[in-house]
Amino acid sequence: MKTPEISVVVPVYNECRRLPEALAQVARAPFTKEVIVVDDASTDGTRQWLKKFESGRARVANLPREAVRVAYHARNQGKGAALRTGFALARGRFIVIQDADLEYDPADWPQLLAPLQAGRADVVYGTRLAGGGAHRVHLFWHSLGNGFLTLVSNMCTNLNLTDMETGSKAFRRDLVRRFRIKSNRFGIEPELTAKFARLGCRIYEVPVSYHGRTYAQGKKITWRDGLAAFWHIVRFRLLD
């Protein structure tokens, strides 16, 4: 089988209503790609829908079944664990992270991937804070916490990122073969940032659109994850 240009890793937990549309938008992105969906022990019907898709009883327009691989976790472990599973399965030249909740838009992939394709970057972060596409006006305390975590991360890595916690990331696949990912939950964002910085990667940011959800709509990250992220920043700077 021809090696795809990109491996799209889709971590999913209880997104039965949004996952089919997310995969449809992934299918419309103009890249040679494989799609790796990692179900983190969903309980809302997501797993059943994926089983139907794999058997041909459910379809996504322009997304052939053979372009999709699905991995299932026996128990819920968190986004970091799902990404770790997906990265291990990836075969593409580049990896793109795409959350199943569609807070980030696959239509932004051309600008996200452009610095990688041109050979100027090793890693590209899609920032929600530098203009660009449409942004939903969202939660003040969440934005404040994100800014604080980005500041502390920058102090520890000597980077000047505007949005370390972004879920929109793309990078060379070989990079994640050079270190072991330890975070199981949302600590994956500061961990990846710390380890990319330690490798001396050329990191770019590009503006992306953002369609944030409220907690009533299914947003899963909480203040506890913010505290954990702070610990992970310190951990991966001083102890790892």
Protein backbone atom coordinates (compact mmCIF):
# COMPACT_ATOMS: atom_id res chain seq x y z
CA MET A 1 0.00 0.00 0.00
CA LYS A 2 1.26 3.46 -0.90
CA THR A 3 2.52 5.43 2.10
CA PRO A 4 0.08 8.29 2.83
CA GLU A 5 1.30 11.86 3.12
CA ILE A 6 -0.47 12.36 6.44
CA SER A 7 -1.80 10.20 9.23
CA VAL A 8 -4.82 11.80 10.84
CA VAL A 9 -5.14 10.66 14.45
CA VAL A 10 -8.65 11.13 15.85
CA PRO A 11 -8.97 10.47 19.61
CA VAL A 12 -12.62 9.98 20.48
CA TYR A 13 -14.60 9.53 23.67
CA ASN A 14 -18.40 9.73 23.69
CA GLU A 15 -18.78 11.67 20.43
CA CYS A 16 -21.35 9.49 18.67
CA ARG A 17 -23.32 12.47 17.37
CA ARG A 18 -20.31 14.40 16.03
CA LEU A 19 -17.94 11.68 14.85
CA PRO A 20 -19.63 10.95 11.48
CA GLU A 21 -19.54 14.64 10.53
CA ALA A 22 -15.96 14.96 11.79
CA LEU A 23 -14.89 12.08 9.55
CA ALA A 24 -16.82 13.57 6.62
CA GLN A 25 -14.89 16.83 7.03
CA VAL A 26 -11.62 14.90 7.31
CA ALA A 27 -12.50 13.11 4.07
CA ARG A 28 -12.92 16.44 2.24
CA ALA A 29 -9.40 17.63 3.15
CA PRO A 30 -7.26 17.54 -0.04
CA PHE A 31 -4.44 15.27 1.11
CA THR A 32 -3.41 11.66 0.63
CA LYS A 33 -4.21 10.38 4.08
CA GLU A 34 -4.94 7.53 6.39
CA VAL A 35 -7.33 8.04 9.28
CA ILE A 36 -6.68 6.41 12.64
CA VAL A 37 -9.60 6.59 15.06
CA VAL A 38 -8.89 5.61 18.66
CA ASP A 39 -12.01 4.99 20.71
CA ASP A 40 -11.19 5.51 24.38
CA ALA A 41 -13.87 3.14 25.73
CA SER A 42 -16.87 5.26 24.78
CA THR A 43 -20.22 4.44 26.39
CA ASP A 44 -22.61 6.54 24.26
CA GLY A 45 -22.81 4.43 21.10
CA THR A 46 -19.59 5.68 19.49
CA ARG A 47 -18.03 2.22 19.59
CA GLN A 48 -21.12 0.61 18.09
CA TRP A 49 -21.15 3.13 15.23
CA LEU A 50 -17.47 2.46 14.54
CA LYS A 51 -18.15 -1.28 14.42
CA LYS A 52 -20.91 -0.61 11.88
CA PHE A 53 -18.55 1.55 9.82
CA GLU A 54 -15.91 -1.17 9.83
CA SER A 55 -18.46 -3.76 8.68
CA GLY A 56 -19.88 -1.52 5.95
CA ARG A 57 -23.25 -0.95 7.65
CA ALA A 58 -22.44 2.73 8.21
CA ARG A 59 -20.78 4.98 5.64
CA VAL A 60 -19.02 8.33 5.41
CA ALA A 61 -19.06 10.08 2.04
CA ASN A 62 -15.71 10.00 0.22
CA LEU A 63 -14.04 8.05 3.01
CA PRO A 64 -13.39 4.44 2.02
CA ARG A 65 -13.26 1.91 4.83
CA GLU A 66 -9.78 0.79 3.81
CA ALA A 67 -8.45 4.32 4.53
CA VAL A 68 -9.57 4.08 8.16
CA ARG A 69 -8.12 2.04 10.97
CA VAL A 70 -9.86 1.85 14.33
CA ALA A 71 -8.28 1.00 17.67
CA TYR A 72 -10.36 0.33 20.78
CA HIS A 73 -9.31 0.86 24.37
CA ALA A 74 -10.75 -1.64 26.82
CA ARG A 75 -11.06 1.07 29.47
CA ASN A 76 -11.12 4.85 29.43
CA GLN A 77 -7.60 6.22 29.80
CA GLY A 78 -7.68 9.77 28.43
CA LYS A 79 -6.72 11.79 25.37
CA GLY A 80 -2.99 11.32 25.85
CA ALA A 81 -3.34 7.54 25.91
CA ALA A 82 -5.53 7.62 22.80
CA LEU A 83 -2.96 9.73 20.95
CA ARG A 84 -0.15 7.43 22.06
CA THR A 85 -2.04 4.50 20.52
CA GLY A 86 -2.70 6.44 17.32
CA PHE A 87 0.88 7.64 16.92
CA ALA A 88 2.14 4.06 17.21
CA LEU A 89 -0.10 3.02 14.31
CA ALA A 90 0.69 5.97 12.04
CA ARG A 91 2.49 5.40 8.73
CA GLY A 92 2.28 8.84 7.12
CA ARG A 93 5.11 11.31 6.61
CA PHE A 94 3.28 13.77 8.87
CA ILE A 95 0.83 13.32 11.73
CA VAL A 96 -2.17 15.62 12.18
CA ILE A 97 -4.20 15.58 15.39
CA GLN A 98 -7.93 16.09 14.81
CA ASP A 99 -10.31 16.12 17.75
CA ALA A 100 -13.64 14.44 17.05
CA ASP A 101 -15.66 17.28 18.59
CA LEU A 102 -14.95 19.61 15.61
CA GLU A 103 -13.74 22.50 17.75
CA TYR A 104 -10.96 22.58 15.14
CA ASP A 105 -11.74 22.60 11.43
CA PRO A 106 -10.00 20.25 8.94
CA ALA A 107 -10.41 23.04 6.37
CA ASP A 108 -7.46 24.73 8.14
CA TRP A 109 -5.07 21.87 7.34
CA PRO A 110 -3.56 23.46 4.21
CA GLN A 111 -2.05 26.34 6.21
CA LEU A 112 -1.21 24.00 9.11
CA LEU A 113 0.74 21.64 6.85
CA ALA A 114 2.31 24.21 4.51
CA PRO A 115 5.46 24.88 6.64
CA LEU A 116 6.00 21.12 7.00
CA GLN A 117 5.58 20.44 3.29
CA ALA A 118 7.97 23.28 2.45
CA GLY A 119 10.61 21.81 4.78
CA ARG A 120 10.72 24.93 6.97
CA ALA A 121 9.18 23.36 10.08
CA ASP A 122 9.27 20.12 12.02
CA VAL A 123 6.21 20.94 14.12
CA VAL A 124 3.29 23.32 13.51
CA TYR A 125 0.78 24.50 16.12
CA GLY A 126 -2.56 25.94 15.08
CA THR A 127 -3.05 28.95 17.33
CA ARG A 128 -6.48 30.22 18.28
CA LEU A 129 -5.03 33.55 19.42
CA ALA A 130 -3.38 35.10 16.37
CA GLY A 131 -6.23 36.13 14.10
CA GLY A 132 -7.13 34.05 11.09
CA GLY A 133 -10.42 32.16 10.93
CA ALA A 134 -13.67 32.65 12.81
CA HIS A 135 -13.59 32.15 16.56
CA ARG A 136 -16.48 31.62 18.91
CA VAL A 137 -16.41 34.04 21.85
CA HIS A 138 -15.86 31.60 24.67
CA LEU A 139 -15.18 31.07 28.37
CA PHE A 140 -13.16 33.77 30.14
CA TRP A 141 -11.67 31.59 32.87
CA HIS A 142 -10.77 28.89 30.40
CA SER A 143 -8.93 31.47 28.24
CA LEU A 144 -7.19 32.91 31.29
CA GLY A 145 -6.02 29.47 32.40
CA ASN A 146 -4.82 28.64 28.90
CA GLY A 147 -2.80 31.85 28.79
CA PHE A 148 -1.22 31.13 32.17
CA LEU A 149 -0.26 27.58 31.19
CA THR A 150 1.22 28.82 27.91
CA LEU A 151 3.25 31.42 29.81
CA VAL A 152 4.64 28.86 32.27
CA SER A 153 5.38 26.42 29.46
CA ASN A 154 7.23 29.11 27.52
CA MET A 155 9.31 29.96 30.60
CA CYS A 156 10.30 26.30 30.92
CA THR A 157 10.97 25.65 27.21
CA ASN A 158 12.25 29.09 26.12
CA LEU A 159 9.68 29.16 23.34
CA ASN A 160 7.32 32.02 22.54
CA LEU A 161 4.16 30.11 21.69
CA THR A 162 0.84 31.92 21.93
CA ASP A 163 -1.28 28.78 22.39
CA MET A 164 0.52 25.79 23.85
CA GLU A 165 -2.75 24.06 24.79
CA THR A 166 -4.12 24.02 21.24
CA GLY A 167 -5.48 20.70 20.05
CA SER A 168 -4.51 21.55 16.47
CA LYS A 169 -1.01 20.18 15.90
CA ALA A 170 0.90 18.66 12.99
CA PHE A 171 4.44 17.30 12.97
CA ARG A 172 6.87 14.90 11.33
CA ARG A 173 5.98 11.34 12.28
CA ASP A 174 9.57 10.36 13.03
CA LEU A 175 9.70 12.82 15.94
CA VAL A 176 7.33 10.83 18.14
CA ARG A 177 9.47 7.75 17.60
CA ARG A 178 12.27 9.51 19.46
CA PHE A 179 10.63 9.75 22.88
CA ARG A 180 8.11 7.91 25.03
CA ILE A 181 4.81 9.64 25.76
CA LYS A 182 3.79 9.28 29.39
CA SER A 183 0.69 11.47 29.81
CA ASN A 184 -2.67 9.74 29.67
CA ARG A 185 -4.97 12.75 29.86
CA PHE A 186 -4.66 16.38 28.80
CA GLY A 187 -1.07 16.58 30.03
CA ILE A 188 -0.24 15.42 26.51
CA GLU A 189 -0.15 19.05 25.28
CA PRO A 190 2.61 20.34 27.62
CA GLU A 191 4.44 17.01 27.33
CA LEU A 192 4.63 17.17 23.53
CA THR A 193 5.68 20.82 23.71
CA ALA A 194 8.45 20.12 26.22
CA LYS A 195 9.79 17.18 24.24
CA PHE A 196 9.66 18.94 20.87
CA ALA A 197 11.56 21.84 22.46
CA ARG A 198 14.12 19.49 23.97
CA LEU A 199 14.76 17.97 20.52
CA GLY A 200 15.41 21.44 19.12
CA CYS A 201 12.53 21.17 16.65
CA ARG A 202 11.68 24.05 14.35
CA ILE A 203 8.24 24.98 15.67
CA TYR A 204 5.85 27.22 13.73
CA GLU A 205 2.44 28.62 14.59
CA VAL A 206 -0.33 29.39 12.10
CA PRO A 207 -3.75 30.90 12.86
CA VAL A 208 -6.72 28.52 12.80
CA SER A 209 -10.42 28.90 13.41
CA TYR A 210 -11.92 27.66 16.65
CA HIS A 211 -15.49 26.60 17.43
CA GLY A 212 -15.32 25.99 21.16
CA ARG A 213 -18.02 24.06 22.97
CA THR A 214 -19.56 24.71 26.34
CA TYR A 215 -19.63 22.07 29.06
CA ALA A 216 -23.35 21.58 28.37
CA GLN A 217 -22.40 20.72 24.78
CA GLY A 218 -19.89 18.11 25.89
CA LYS A 219 -16.62 19.91 26.60
CA LYS A 220 -14.54 17.58 28.78
CA ILE A 221 -11.50 19.52 30.03
CA THR A 222 -11.93 20.94 33.55
CA TRP A 223 -10.00 23.01 36.08
CA ARG A 224 -8.54 19.78 37.43
CA ASP A 225 -6.92 19.19 34.05
CA GLY A 226 -5.51 22.71 34.24
CA LEU A 227 -3.85 21.94 37.57
CA ALA A 228 -2.55 18.66 36.16
CA ALA A 229 -1.18 20.49 33.11
CA PHE A 230 0.75 22.86 35.40
CA TRP A 231 2.27 19.87 37.16
CA HIS A 232 3.17 18.26 33.84
CA ILE A 233 4.92 21.44 32.67
CA VAL A 234 7.12 21.41 35.78
CA ARG A 235 7.56 17.65 35.63
CA PHE A 236 8.76 17.53 32.04
CA ARG A 237 11.06 20.50 32.61
CA LEU A 238 12.70 19.38 35.85
CA LEU A 239 12.09 15.70 36.49
CA ASP A 240 11.66 13.86 33.19
